[in-house]
Amino acid sequence: MSLSAEFNEKYNVNVWTDESAWNNFLEQVEPPSRIAERIEGVYNRFGNFLEYLGPDCGLGGAKKLELAKVILKNTTSGIERFLGD
């Protein structure tokens, strides 16, 4: 199950149609600290074979430019946290 589907089910919302739910999703499920944890897990599994990192969902779900910026900012911060460790 995808992260967004789990979030939708848990909070009885639809992040794809409700902007406030999308913002909450990004704050709770996709903060930079969580992204850094996921990167570490993937790196521990694949090591130097890992060549590319980016948002899991792409940016198609971000209906507004501001939401896409948050996704990219969180992803960048998560990568920077991982590299800093």
N, C-alpha and C. Protein backbone atom coordinates (compact mmCIF):
# COMPACT_ATOMS: atom_id res chain seq x y z
N MET A 1 0.86 -1.18 0.00
CA MET A 1 0.00 0.00 0.00
C MET A 1 0.90 1.24 0.00
N SER A 2 0.52 2.25 -0.72
CA SER A 2 1.33 3.46 -0.80
C SER A 2 1.18 4.28 0.48
N LEU A 3 2.14 5.16 0.71
CA LEU A 3 2.10 6.01 1.89
C LEU A 3 0.86 6.89 1.90
N SER A 4 0.50 7.41 0.73
CA SER A 4 -0.68 8.27 0.68
C SER A 4 -1.96 7.48 0.95
N ALA A 5 -2.03 6.26 0.46
CA ALA A 5 -3.22 5.43 0.71
C ALA A 5 -3.35 5.11 2.20
N GLU A 6 -2.23 4.81 2.84
CA GLU A 6 -2.26 4.54 4.28
C GLU A 6 -2.72 5.78 5.04
N PHE A 7 -2.21 6.93 4.66
CA PHE A 7 -2.58 8.19 5.31
C PHE A 7 -4.06 8.48 5.11
N ASN A 8 -4.53 8.32 3.87
CA ASN A 8 -5.95 8.54 3.58
C ASN A 8 -6.84 7.66 4.44
N GLU A 9 -6.47 6.40 4.54
CA GLU A 9 -7.27 5.45 5.31
C GLU A 9 -7.24 5.78 6.80
N LYS A 10 -6.06 6.09 7.31
CA LYS A 10 -5.91 6.37 8.74
C LYS A 10 -6.71 7.60 9.17
N TYR A 11 -6.69 8.66 8.34
CA TYR A 11 -7.32 9.92 8.72
C TYR A 11 -8.64 10.19 7.99
N ASN A 12 -9.08 9.23 7.18
CA ASN A 12 -10.33 9.37 6.44
C ASN A 12 -10.36 10.66 5.61
N VAL A 13 -9.29 10.85 4.84
CA VAL A 13 -9.16 12.01 3.97
C VAL A 13 -8.73 11.53 2.58
N ASN A 14 -8.60 12.47 1.67
CA ASN A 14 -8.07 12.17 0.35
C ASN A 14 -7.03 13.23 0.02
N VAL A 15 -5.75 12.88 0.14
CA VAL A 15 -4.70 13.85 -0.09
C VAL A 15 -4.67 14.35 -1.52
N TRP A 16 -5.28 13.60 -2.45
CA TRP A 16 -5.24 13.99 -3.85
C TRP A 16 -6.29 15.05 -4.19
N THR A 17 -7.28 15.23 -3.33
CA THR A 17 -8.31 16.23 -3.61
C THR A 17 -8.42 17.30 -2.53
N ASP A 18 -7.82 17.08 -1.37
CA ASP A 18 -7.93 18.00 -0.24
C ASP A 18 -6.56 18.60 0.06
N GLU A 19 -6.40 19.88 -0.25
CA GLU A 19 -5.09 20.53 -0.09
C GLU A 19 -4.61 20.51 1.36
N SER A 20 -5.49 20.73 2.31
CA SER A 20 -5.05 20.72 3.71
C SER A 20 -4.60 19.32 4.12
N ALA A 21 -5.26 18.30 3.60
CA ALA A 21 -4.82 16.92 3.88
C ALA A 21 -3.45 16.68 3.27
N TRP A 22 -3.22 17.20 2.08
CA TRP A 22 -1.92 17.05 1.41
C TRP A 22 -0.82 17.70 2.25
N ASN A 23 -1.09 18.92 2.75
CA ASN A 23 -0.11 19.60 3.61
C ASN A 23 0.19 18.78 4.86
N ASN A 24 -0.85 18.25 5.48
CA ASN A 24 -0.65 17.42 6.67
C ASN A 24 0.14 16.16 6.34
N PHE A 25 -0.15 15.57 5.20
CA PHE A 25 0.57 14.39 4.75
C PHE A 25 2.06 14.70 4.63
N LEU A 26 2.39 15.81 3.99
CA LEU A 26 3.80 16.17 3.81
C LEU A 26 4.49 16.42 5.14
N GLU A 27 3.78 17.04 6.08
CA GLU A 27 4.37 17.33 7.39
C GLU A 27 4.55 16.07 8.24
N GLN A 28 3.61 15.15 8.16
CA GLN A 28 3.64 13.97 9.02
C GLN A 28 4.36 12.78 8.41
N VAL A 29 4.16 12.54 7.13
CA VAL A 29 4.68 11.33 6.49
C VAL A 29 5.98 11.59 5.74
N GLU A 30 6.14 12.76 5.17
CA GLU A 30 7.29 13.05 4.32
C GLU A 30 8.17 14.20 4.81
N PRO A 31 8.40 14.32 6.13
CA PRO A 31 9.33 15.37 6.57
C PRO A 31 10.76 14.96 6.21
N PRO A 32 11.67 15.92 6.15
CA PRO A 32 13.06 15.60 5.80
C PRO A 32 13.68 14.49 6.66
N SER A 33 13.37 14.45 7.93
CA SER A 33 13.95 13.41 8.80
C SER A 33 13.51 12.02 8.36
N ARG A 34 12.28 11.88 7.97
CA ARG A 34 11.76 10.57 7.52
C ARG A 34 12.36 10.19 6.16
N ILE A 35 12.51 11.17 5.30
CA ILE A 35 13.12 10.92 4.00
C ILE A 35 14.56 10.45 4.19
N ALA A 36 15.29 11.10 5.09
CA ALA A 36 16.67 10.70 5.38
C ALA A 36 16.72 9.26 5.89
N GLU A 37 15.77 8.87 6.73
CA GLU A 37 15.71 7.49 7.23
C GLU A 37 15.49 6.50 6.10
N ARG A 38 14.60 6.84 5.17
CA ARG A 38 14.35 5.96 4.04
C ARG A 38 15.59 5.82 3.15
N ILE A 39 16.27 6.94 2.93
CA ILE A 39 17.49 6.91 2.12
C ILE A 39 18.53 6.01 2.78
N GLU A 40 18.68 6.14 4.08
CA GLU A 40 19.64 5.31 4.80
C GLU A 40 19.32 3.83 4.63
N GLY A 41 18.04 3.49 4.74
CA GLY A 41 17.63 2.09 4.57
C GLY A 41 17.95 1.56 3.18
N VAL A 42 17.68 2.37 2.17
CA VAL A 42 17.98 1.97 0.79
C VAL A 42 19.49 1.88 0.59
N TYR A 43 20.22 2.84 1.13
CA TYR A 43 21.67 2.82 0.98
C TYR A 43 22.27 1.60 1.67
N ASN A 44 21.75 1.27 2.85
CA ASN A 44 22.25 0.09 3.56
C ASN A 44 22.01 -1.18 2.76
N ARG A 45 20.98 -1.18 1.96
CA ARG A 45 20.65 -2.36 1.16
C ARG A 45 21.43 -2.42 -0.16
N PHE A 46 21.57 -1.26 -0.82
CA PHE A 46 22.15 -1.24 -2.16
C PHE A 46 23.53 -0.59 -2.25
N GLY A 47 23.93 0.13 -1.21
CA GLY A 47 25.25 0.75 -1.18
C GLY A 47 25.51 1.65 -2.36
N ASN A 48 26.70 1.49 -2.94
CA ASN A 48 27.12 2.38 -4.03
C ASN A 48 26.38 2.15 -5.34
N PHE A 49 25.51 1.16 -5.39
CA PHE A 49 24.68 0.98 -6.59
C PHE A 49 23.60 2.06 -6.68
N LEU A 50 23.36 2.74 -5.59
CA LEU A 50 22.36 3.81 -5.55
C LEU A 50 22.90 5.02 -6.30
N GLU A 51 22.24 5.39 -7.39
CA GLU A 51 22.71 6.49 -8.22
C GLU A 51 21.78 7.69 -8.25
N TYR A 52 20.52 7.51 -7.90
CA TYR A 52 19.55 8.59 -8.05
C TYR A 52 18.59 8.56 -6.88
N LEU A 53 18.24 9.73 -6.39
CA LEU A 53 17.22 9.87 -5.35
C LEU A 53 16.28 10.99 -5.76
N GLY A 54 15.00 10.78 -5.54
CA GLY A 54 14.02 11.81 -5.83
C GLY A 54 12.72 11.50 -5.13
N PRO A 55 11.76 12.38 -5.24
CA PRO A 55 10.47 12.15 -4.60
C PRO A 55 9.84 10.85 -5.10
N ASP A 56 9.31 10.08 -4.19
CA ASP A 56 8.72 8.78 -4.53
C ASP A 56 7.57 8.93 -5.51
N CYS A 57 6.74 9.91 -5.30
CA CYS A 57 5.54 10.05 -6.11
C CYS A 57 5.76 10.94 -7.32
N GLY A 58 6.94 11.47 -7.47
CA GLY A 58 7.12 12.50 -8.48
C GLY A 58 6.41 13.75 -8.02
N LEU A 59 6.00 14.56 -8.91
CA LEU A 59 5.33 15.80 -8.52
C LEU A 59 3.91 15.88 -9.07
N GLY A 60 3.45 14.80 -9.66
CA GLY A 60 2.12 14.79 -10.27
C GLY A 60 1.00 15.03 -9.30
N GLY A 61 1.17 14.61 -8.04
CA GLY A 61 0.12 14.79 -7.06
C GLY A 61 0.03 16.20 -6.51
N ALA A 62 1.08 16.98 -6.71
CA ALA A 62 1.09 18.35 -6.21
C ALA A 62 0.30 19.22 -7.17
N LYS A 63 -0.92 19.51 -6.81
CA LYS A 63 -1.80 20.25 -7.71
C LYS A 63 -1.41 21.71 -7.84
N LYS A 64 -0.62 22.21 -6.89
CA LYS A 64 -0.21 23.61 -6.91
C LYS A 64 1.31 23.68 -6.83
N LEU A 65 1.85 24.71 -7.40
CA LEU A 65 3.30 24.91 -7.43
C LEU A 65 3.88 24.94 -6.02
N GLU A 66 3.19 25.56 -5.09
CA GLU A 66 3.70 25.66 -3.72
C GLU A 66 3.86 24.27 -3.08
N LEU A 67 2.94 23.38 -3.37
CA LEU A 67 3.04 22.03 -2.81
C LEU A 67 4.21 21.27 -3.44
N ALA A 68 4.43 21.46 -4.73
CA ALA A 68 5.57 20.84 -5.40
C ALA A 68 6.87 21.35 -4.80
N LYS A 69 6.92 22.63 -4.48
CA LYS A 69 8.11 23.20 -3.85
C LYS A 69 8.39 22.55 -2.50
N VAL A 70 7.34 22.28 -1.73
CA VAL A 70 7.51 21.63 -0.43
C VAL A 70 8.08 20.22 -0.62
N ILE A 71 7.57 19.49 -1.59
CA ILE A 71 8.08 18.14 -1.86
C ILE A 71 9.56 18.20 -2.20
N LEU A 72 9.93 19.09 -3.09
CA LEU A 72 11.33 19.20 -3.49
C LEU A 72 12.22 19.68 -2.34
N LYS A 73 11.72 20.62 -1.55
CA LYS A 73 12.49 21.11 -0.40
C LYS A 73 12.70 19.99 0.61
N ASN A 74 11.64 19.23 0.92
CA ASN A 74 11.76 18.13 1.88
C ASN A 74 12.72 17.05 1.37
N THR A 75 12.64 16.75 0.07
CA THR A 75 13.52 15.75 -0.51
C THR A 75 14.97 16.22 -0.45
N THR A 76 15.22 17.48 -0.82
CA THR A 76 16.58 18.02 -0.75
C THR A 76 17.10 18.00 0.68
N SER A 77 16.29 18.42 1.63
CA SER A 77 16.72 18.42 3.03
C SER A 77 16.98 17.01 3.53
N GLY A 78 16.17 16.05 3.12
CA GLY A 78 16.38 14.67 3.52
C GLY A 78 17.69 14.12 2.98
N ILE A 79 18.00 14.43 1.73
CA ILE A 79 19.27 14.00 1.12
C ILE A 79 20.44 14.66 1.85
N GLU A 80 20.32 15.95 2.12
CA GLU A 80 21.39 16.66 2.83
C GLU A 80 21.61 16.08 4.22
N ARG A 81 20.53 15.73 4.92
CA ARG A 81 20.68 15.10 6.25
C ARG A 81 21.39 13.76 6.14
N PHE A 82 21.02 12.98 5.16
CA PHE A 82 21.67 11.69 4.95
C PHE A 82 23.16 11.88 4.67
N LEU A 83 23.50 12.77 3.78
CA LEU A 83 24.90 13.00 3.43
C LEU A 83 25.71 13.58 4.59
N GLY A 84 25.02 14.30 5.47
CA GLY A 84 25.70 14.88 6.62
C GLY A 84 26.01 13.89 7.70
N ASP A 85 25.34 12.73 7.70
CA ASP A 85 25.54 11.71 8.75
C ASP A 85 26.74 10.85 8.47
